[in-house]
C-alpha atoms as a PDB file:
ATOM      1  CA  MET A   1     113.015 110.959 114.679  1.00  0.00           C
ATOM      2  CA  THR A   2     113.636 109.545 111.240  1.00  0.00           C
ATOM      3  CA  THR A   3     111.574 109.399 108.071  1.00  0.00           C
ATOM      4  CA  ALA A   4     110.226 106.287 106.370  1.00  0.00           C
ATOM      5  CA  PHE A   5     108.220 105.635 103.223  1.00  0.00           C
ATOM      6  CA  TYR A   6     105.018 103.607 103.047  1.00  0.00           C
ATOM      7  CA  ALA A   7     103.065 102.732  99.907  1.00  0.00           C
ATOM      8  CA  VAL A   8      99.283 102.455 100.038  1.00  0.00           C
ATOM      9  CA  ASP A   9      98.518  98.962  98.778  1.00  0.00           C
ATOM     10  CA  ARG A  10      94.735  99.176  99.015  1.00  0.00           C
ATOM     11  CA  LEU A  11      91.836 100.934 100.694  1.00  0.00           C
ATOM     12  CA  GLU A  12      89.376  98.789 102.628  1.00  0.00           C
ATOM     13  CA  GLY A  13      86.501 100.683 104.215  1.00  0.00           C
ATOM     14  CA  LYS A  14      87.846 102.784 107.075  1.00  0.00           C
ATOM     15  CA  PHE A  15      91.361 101.424 106.653  1.00  0.00           C
ATOM     16  CA  ALA A  16      94.306 101.803 104.323  1.00  0.00           C
ATOM     17  CA  VAL A  17      96.646  98.852 104.020  1.00  0.00           C
ATOM     18  CA  VAL A  18     100.135 100.293 103.733  1.00  0.00           C
ATOM     19  CA  VAL A  19     103.408  98.528 103.019  1.00  0.00           C
ATOM     20  CA  GLY A  20     106.678  99.738 104.458  1.00  0.00           C
ATOM     21  CA  ASP A  21     109.962  99.511 102.618  1.00  0.00           C
ATOM     22  CA  ASP A  22     110.706  96.548 104.900  1.00  0.00           C
ATOM     23  CA  GLY A  23     107.756  94.691 103.321  1.00  0.00           C
ATOM     24  CA  LYS A  24     105.579  94.733 106.448  1.00  0.00           C
ATOM     25  CA  MET A  25     101.888  95.476 105.944  1.00  0.00           C
ATOM     26  CA  ILE A  26     100.041  97.720 108.397  1.00  0.00           C
ATOM     27  CA  ASP A  27      96.358  98.652 108.611  1.00  0.00           C
ATOM     28  CA  VAL A  28      95.985 102.386 109.270  1.00  0.00           C
ATOM     29  CA  GLU A  29      92.735 104.229 109.813  1.00  0.00           C
ATOM     30  CA  ARG A  30      92.107 106.423 106.777  1.00  0.00           C
ATOM     31  CA  SER A  31      91.132 109.295 109.059  1.00  0.00           C
ATOM     32  CA  GLU A  32      94.790 109.435 110.221  1.00  0.00           C
ATOM     33  CA  LEU A  33      96.080 109.917 106.668  1.00  0.00           C
ATOM     34  CA  PRO A  34      95.878 112.833 104.215  1.00  0.00           C
ATOM     35  CA  LYS A  35      92.433 113.159 102.613  1.00  0.00           C
ATOM     36  CA  GLN A  36      93.887 112.781  99.089  1.00  0.00           C
ATOM     37  CA  VAL A  37      95.384 109.344  99.795  1.00  0.00           C
ATOM     38  CA  ARG A  38      94.603 106.688  97.183  1.00  0.00           C
ATOM     39  CA  GLU A  39      95.876 103.271  96.185  1.00  0.00           C
ATOM     40  CA  GLY A  40      99.444 103.683  95.002  1.00  0.00           C
ATOM     41  CA  SER A  41     100.130 106.803  97.073  1.00  0.00           C
ATOM     42  CA  VAL A  42     103.564 106.945  98.666  1.00  0.00           C
ATOM     43  CA  LEU A  43     103.603 108.440 102.137  1.00  0.00           C
ATOM     44  CA  ARG A  44     106.566 110.054 103.874  1.00  0.00           C
ATOM     45  CA  VAL A  45     106.089 109.474 107.614  1.00  0.00           C
ATOM     46  CA  ARG A  46     108.106 110.444 110.676  1.00  0.00           C
ATOM     47  CA  THR A  47     109.013 107.444 112.803  1.00  0.00           C
ATOM     48  CA  GLY A  48     110.312 107.158 116.319  1.00  0.00           C
ATOM     49  CA  ALA A  49     110.831 104.588 119.041  1.00  0.00           C
ATOM     50  CA  THR A  50     107.099 103.844 119.145  1.00  0.00           C
ATOM     51  CA  GLY A  51     106.743 103.432 115.371  1.00  0.00           C
ATOM     52  CA  PRO A  52     105.223 105.594 112.620  1.00  0.00           C
ATOM     53  CA  ASP A  53     103.554 108.902 113.515  1.00  0.00           C
ATOM     54  CA  TRP A  54     100.662 108.746 111.044  1.00  0.00           C
ATOM     55  CA  SER A  55      99.607 112.309 111.854  1.00  0.00           C
ATOM     56  CA  SER A  56     102.832 113.424 110.141  1.00  0.00           C
ATOM     57  CA  ALA A  57     102.106 111.462 106.937  1.00  0.00           C
ATOM     58  CA  GLU A  58     102.449 113.436 103.712  1.00  0.00           C
ATOM     59  CA  ILE A  59     101.958 112.233 100.159  1.00  0.00           C
ATOM     60  CA  ASP A  60     105.325 112.352  98.382  1.00  0.00           C
ATOM     61  CA  ARG A  61     104.547 112.746  94.659  1.00  0.00           C
ATOM     62  CA  ALA A  62     108.233 112.817  93.656  1.00  0.00           C
ATOM     63  CA  GLU A  63     108.851 109.461  95.352  1.00  0.00           C
ATOM     64  CA  GLU A  64     105.690 108.045  93.718  1.00  0.00           C
ATOM     65  CA  GLU A  65     106.984 109.044  90.286  1.00  0.00           C
ATOM     66  CA  ARG A  66     110.485 107.718  91.020  1.00  0.00           C
ATOM     67  CA  ARG A  67     109.003 104.343  91.980  1.00  0.00           C
ATOM     68  CA  ARG A  68     106.717 104.257  88.934  1.00  0.00           C
ATOM     69  CA  ALA A  69     109.647 105.051  86.637  1.00  0.00           C
ATOM     70  CA  SER A  70     111.687 102.279  88.244  1.00  0.00           C
ATOM     71  CA  ALA A  71     108.827  99.786  87.782  1.00  0.00           C
ATOM     72  CA  ARG A  72     108.383 100.853  84.128  1.00  0.00           C
ATOM     73  CA  LYS A  73     112.101 100.328  83.523  1.00  0.00           C
ATOM     74  CA  ILE A  74     111.983  96.829  85.013  1.00  0.00           C
ATOM     75  CA  LEU A  75     108.913  95.925  82.925  1.00  0.00           C
ATOM     76  CA  ASP A  76     110.586  97.232  79.767  1.00  0.00           C
ATOM     77  CA  GLU A  77     113.675  95.126  80.505  1.00  0.00           C
ATOM     78  CA  LEU A  78     111.522  92.038  81.070  1.00  0.00           C
ATOM     79  CA  LYS A  79     109.686  92.617  77.796  1.00  0.00           C
ATOM     80  CA  ARG A  80     112.976  92.952  75.894  1.00  0.00           C
ATOM     81  CA  SER A  81     114.350  89.740  77.403  1.00  0.00           C
ATOM     82  CA  ASP A  82     111.225  87.684  76.613  1.00  0.00           C
ATOM     83  CA  PRO A  83     112.153  85.545  73.589  1.00  0.00           C
ATOM     84  CA  GLY A  84     108.566  84.442  72.919  1.00  0.00           C
ATOM     85  CA  GLY A  85     106.906  87.792  73.360  1.00  0.00           C
ATOM     86  CA  ASP A  86     104.362  86.203  75.690  1.00  0.00           C
ATOM     87  CA  ILE A  87     104.780  88.521  78.682  1.00  0.00           C
ATOM     88  CA  GLN A  88     101.553  90.480  78.948  1.00  0.00           C
ATOM     89  CA  LEU A  89     101.105  92.753  81.973  1.00  0.00           C
END
């Protein structure tokens, strides 16, 4: 088995829409995920030949923060390279 990361894109009723690092979106029943899951959570999940084992999903706070820091850095670089100052996010 290997490990993969999935980010929770949004919560829709009984389902969480998660996005894998490969860009594929998957609907997962919220009952299969940790209770504390929220939009933006990053999940570390064991995967095998049959796909992700959602019962093994754990929220990875360190990976969440690493990804947020990376996004902040990219936004800061975009703001600095905007000659007109009109980038507003």
